[in-house]
C-alpha atoms as a PDB file:
ATOM      1  CA  MET A   1      54.754 207.433  82.245  1.00  0.00           C
ATOM      2  CA  ILE A   2      58.030 207.052  81.427  1.00  0.00           C
ATOM      3  CA  ILE A   3      60.230 203.684  82.074  1.00  0.00           C
ATOM      4  CA  GLY A   4      63.843 203.153  81.449  1.00  0.00           C
ATOM      5  CA  LEU A   5      63.540 205.193  77.922  1.00  0.00           C
ATOM      6  CA  TYR A   6      60.313 204.504  76.486  1.00  0.00           C
ATOM      7  CA  ILE A   7      57.374 206.699  76.508  1.00  0.00           C
ATOM      8  CA  LEU A   8      54.007 204.955  77.471  1.00  0.00           C
ATOM      9  CA  GLU A   9      50.145 206.284  77.340  1.00  0.00           C
ATOM     10  CA  ILE A  10      47.868 205.467  79.391  1.00  0.00           C
ATOM     11  CA  LEU A  11      44.734 205.314  78.105  1.00  0.00           C
ATOM     12  CA  GLU A  12      41.363 205.022  79.893  1.00  0.00           C
ATOM     13  CA  ASP A  13      38.185 204.142  78.129  1.00  0.00           C
ATOM     14  CA  GLU A  14      34.581 205.599  79.058  1.00  0.00           C
ATOM     15  CA  GLY A  15      34.217 202.496  81.462  1.00  0.00           C
ATOM     16  CA  GLY A  16      36.648 204.013  83.758  1.00  0.00           C
ATOM     17  CA  VAL A  17      39.231 201.191  82.827  1.00  0.00           C
ATOM     18  CA  SER A  18      42.816 201.765  82.098  1.00  0.00           C
ATOM     19  CA  THR A  19      44.865 199.831  79.252  1.00  0.00           C
ATOM     20  CA  ILE A  20      48.577 200.763  78.539  1.00  0.00           C
ATOM     21  CA  GLU A  21      49.242 201.546  74.729  1.00  0.00           C
ATOM     22  CA  VAL A  22      53.269 200.174  74.048  1.00  0.00           C
ATOM     23  CA  PRO A  23      54.606 201.392  71.255  1.00  0.00           C
ATOM     24  CA  THR A  24      55.813 198.637  69.014  1.00  0.00           C
ATOM     25  CA  ASN A  25      59.012 197.030  69.096  1.00  0.00           C
ATOM     26  CA  VAL A  26      59.952 198.532  72.691  1.00  0.00           C
ATOM     27  CA  GLY A  27      59.881 194.140  73.585  1.00  0.00           C
ATOM     28  CA  PRO A  28      63.070 193.459  71.262  1.00  0.00           C
ATOM     29  CA  ASN A  29      65.352 197.055  73.603  1.00  0.00           C
ATOM     30  CA  ILE A  30      64.117 195.894  76.804  1.00  0.00           C
ATOM     31  CA  LYS A  31      65.336 192.771  76.670  1.00  0.00           C
ATOM     32  CA  ALA A  32      68.811 193.690  75.173  1.00  0.00           C
ATOM     33  CA  SER A  33      68.948 195.946  77.541  1.00  0.00           C
ATOM     34  CA  ALA A  34      68.340 193.565  80.816  1.00  0.00           C
ATOM     35  CA  VAL A  35      70.366 191.166  79.307  1.00  0.00           C
ATOM     36  CA  SER A  36      73.473 193.716  78.941  1.00  0.00           C
ATOM     37  CA  GLN A  37      72.694 194.983  82.843  1.00  0.00           C
ATOM     38  CA  MET A  38      72.836 191.038  84.119  1.00  0.00           C
ATOM     39  CA  GLU A  39      76.096 190.703  81.670  1.00  0.00           C
ATOM     40  CA  ALA A  40      77.833 193.448  83.451  1.00  0.00           C
ATOM     41  CA  ALA A  41      76.309 192.113  87.130  1.00  0.00           C
ATOM     42  CA  MET A  42      77.625 188.620  86.530  1.00  0.00           C
ATOM     43  CA  ALA A  43      80.825 190.427  84.774  1.00  0.00           C
ATOM     44  CA  ALA A  44      81.052 192.740  88.111  1.00  0.00           C
ATOM     45  CA  LEU A  45      80.284 189.262  90.782  1.00  0.00           C
ATOM     46  CA  SER A  46      83.072 187.412  88.974  1.00  0.00           C
ATOM     47  CA  VAL A  47      85.166 190.112  89.787  1.00  0.00           C
ATOM     48  CA  GLU A  48      84.830 189.750  93.465  1.00  0.00           C
ATOM     49  CA  LEU A  49      84.458 186.493  93.511  1.00  0.00           C
ATOM     50  CA  SER A  50      87.808 186.100  92.056  1.00  0.00           C
ATOM     51  CA  LYS A  51      88.784 188.055  94.963  1.00  0.00           C
ATOM     52  CA  LEU A  52      87.585 185.311  98.183  1.00  0.00           C
ATOM     53  CA  ARG A  53      90.145 182.457  98.599  1.00  0.00           C
ATOM     54  CA  THR A  54      88.701 179.792  99.182  1.00  0.00           C
ATOM     55  CA  GLY A  55      89.010 175.728 100.616  1.00  0.00           C
ATOM     56  CA  ARG A  56      90.582 174.073 103.842  1.00  0.00           C
ATOM     57  CA  ALA A  57      92.594 176.036 107.052  1.00  0.00           C
ATOM     58  CA  SER A  58      96.264 174.287 107.122  1.00  0.00           C
ATOM     59  CA  PRO A  59      99.173 175.361 109.148  1.00  0.00           C
ATOM     60  CA  GLU A  60     101.247 173.514 106.158  1.00  0.00           C
ATOM     61  CA  THR A  61     103.620 176.810 104.745  1.00  0.00           C
ATOM     62  CA  GLY A  62     105.620 174.186 102.518  1.00  0.00           C
ATOM     63  CA  GLY A  63     108.255 176.084 102.894  1.00  0.00           C
ATOM     64  CA  VAL A  64     107.008 179.664 102.536  1.00  0.00           C
ATOM     65  CA  LYS A  65     108.775 181.909 105.044  1.00  0.00           C
ATOM     66  CA  MET A  66     105.386 183.526 107.241  1.00  0.00           C
ATOM     67  CA  PRO A  67     104.539 185.338 110.373  1.00  0.00           C
ATOM     68  CA  LEU A  68     105.444 183.896 113.462  1.00  0.00           C
ATOM     69  CA  ASN A  69     101.801 184.539 114.797  1.00  0.00           C
ATOM     70  CA  ARG A  70      99.981 183.283 111.992  1.00  0.00           C
ATOM     71  CA  ILE A  71     101.523 179.144 112.719  1.00  0.00           C
ATOM     72  CA  ALA A  72     101.024 180.181 116.706  1.00  0.00           C
ATOM     73  CA  LEU A  73      99.317 182.116 118.877  1.00  0.00           C
ATOM     74  CA  VAL A  74     103.005 183.732 121.005  1.00  0.00           C
ATOM     75  CA  SER A  75     102.648 185.217 124.428  1.00  0.00           C
ATOM     76  CA  VAL A  76     104.648 187.333 127.008  1.00  0.00           C
ATOM     77  CA  LEU A  77     104.759 185.333 130.356  1.00  0.00           C
ATOM     78  CA  ASP A  78     107.786 188.090 131.693  1.00  0.00           C
ATOM     79  CA  PRO A  79     109.819 190.440 131.044  1.00  0.00           C
ATOM     80  CA  LYS A  80     112.565 187.729 129.108  1.00  0.00           C
ATOM     81  CA  THR A  81     110.600 184.915 127.997  1.00  0.00           C
ATOM     82  CA  LEU A  82     108.144 183.759 125.462  1.00  0.00           C
ATOM     83  CA  SER A  83     105.901 181.296 124.980  1.00  0.00           C
ATOM     84  CA  VAL A  84     105.458 179.777 121.152  1.00  0.00           C
ATOM     85  CA  ASN A  85     102.039 177.867 121.886  1.00  0.00           C
ATOM     86  CA  PRO A  86     101.690 176.476 117.351  1.00  0.00           C
ATOM     87  CA  TYR A  87      98.083 175.099 116.316  1.00  0.00           C
ATOM     88  CA  ASP A  88      99.238 172.854 114.284  1.00  0.00           C
ATOM     89  CA  PRO A  89     101.240 170.142 117.255  1.00  0.00           C
ATOM     90  CA  GLU A  90     102.781 168.728 114.354  1.00  0.00           C
ATOM     91  CA  THR A  91     105.232 171.772 113.689  1.00  0.00           C
ATOM     92  CA  LEU A  92     106.616 172.256 116.649  1.00  0.00           C
ATOM     93  CA  LYS A  93     109.897 170.475 115.449  1.00  0.00           C
ATOM     94  CA  GLN A  94     109.536 172.984 112.815  1.00  0.00           C
ATOM     95  CA  LEU A  95     109.043 175.471 114.362  1.00  0.00           C
ATOM     96  CA  GLU A  96     111.997 175.065 117.157  1.00  0.00           C
ATOM     97  CA  ASN A  97     113.765 174.853 113.814  1.00  0.00           C
ATOM     98  CA  ALA A  98     113.187 178.161 112.446  1.00  0.00           C
ATOM     99  CA  ILE A  99     113.915 179.833 115.972  1.00  0.00           C
ATOM    100  CA  VAL A 100     116.723 178.074 116.764  1.00  0.00           C
ATOM    101  CA  SER A 101     117.818 179.149 113.314  1.00  0.00           C
ATOM    102  CA  SER A 102     117.032 182.428 113.211  1.00  0.00           C
ATOM    103  CA  PRO A 103     119.506 185.237 113.570  1.00  0.00           C
ATOM    104  CA  LEU A 104     117.432 186.785 116.950  1.00  0.00           C
ATOM    105  CA  GLY A 105     119.601 183.971 119.154  1.00  0.00           C
ATOM    106  CA  LEU A 106     116.834 182.667 120.733  1.00  0.00           C
ATOM    107  CA  ASN A 107     117.294 179.103 122.611  1.00  0.00           C
ATOM    108  CA  PRO A 108     113.886 177.565 122.657  1.00  0.00           C
ATOM    109  CA  LYS A 109     112.754 175.170 125.520  1.00  0.00           C
ATOM    110  CA  THR A 110     110.505 173.013 124.239  1.00  0.00           C
ATOM    111  CA  ASP A 111     107.897 171.458 127.365  1.00  0.00           C
ATOM    112  CA  GLY A 112     106.586 169.272 124.638  1.00  0.00           C
ATOM    113  CA  GLU A 113     103.017 171.415 123.756  1.00  0.00           C
END
């Protein structure tokens, strides 16, 4: 039987009882191999976890430009009307100012929501 890189002998005595003979000094090699594999797995996990973005979701942009659809629900009401409903009602005034100052020439009308 081969386990890892080590060959083990399975011996049977006269009573039919099987025993395994392990070569001497195999333990440290197996441990070293297991430790190196675990360290590699931990390093790979650390890389994958560093890619995750965690924290509380917030519509606050802090002055950073963001696509409109990330901070509000945009719907088409008719061919000449868009409805923009911010996820956070407190950002309504900032959103209105951003739309007015955009080069699109849009004229928003606030209905309070």
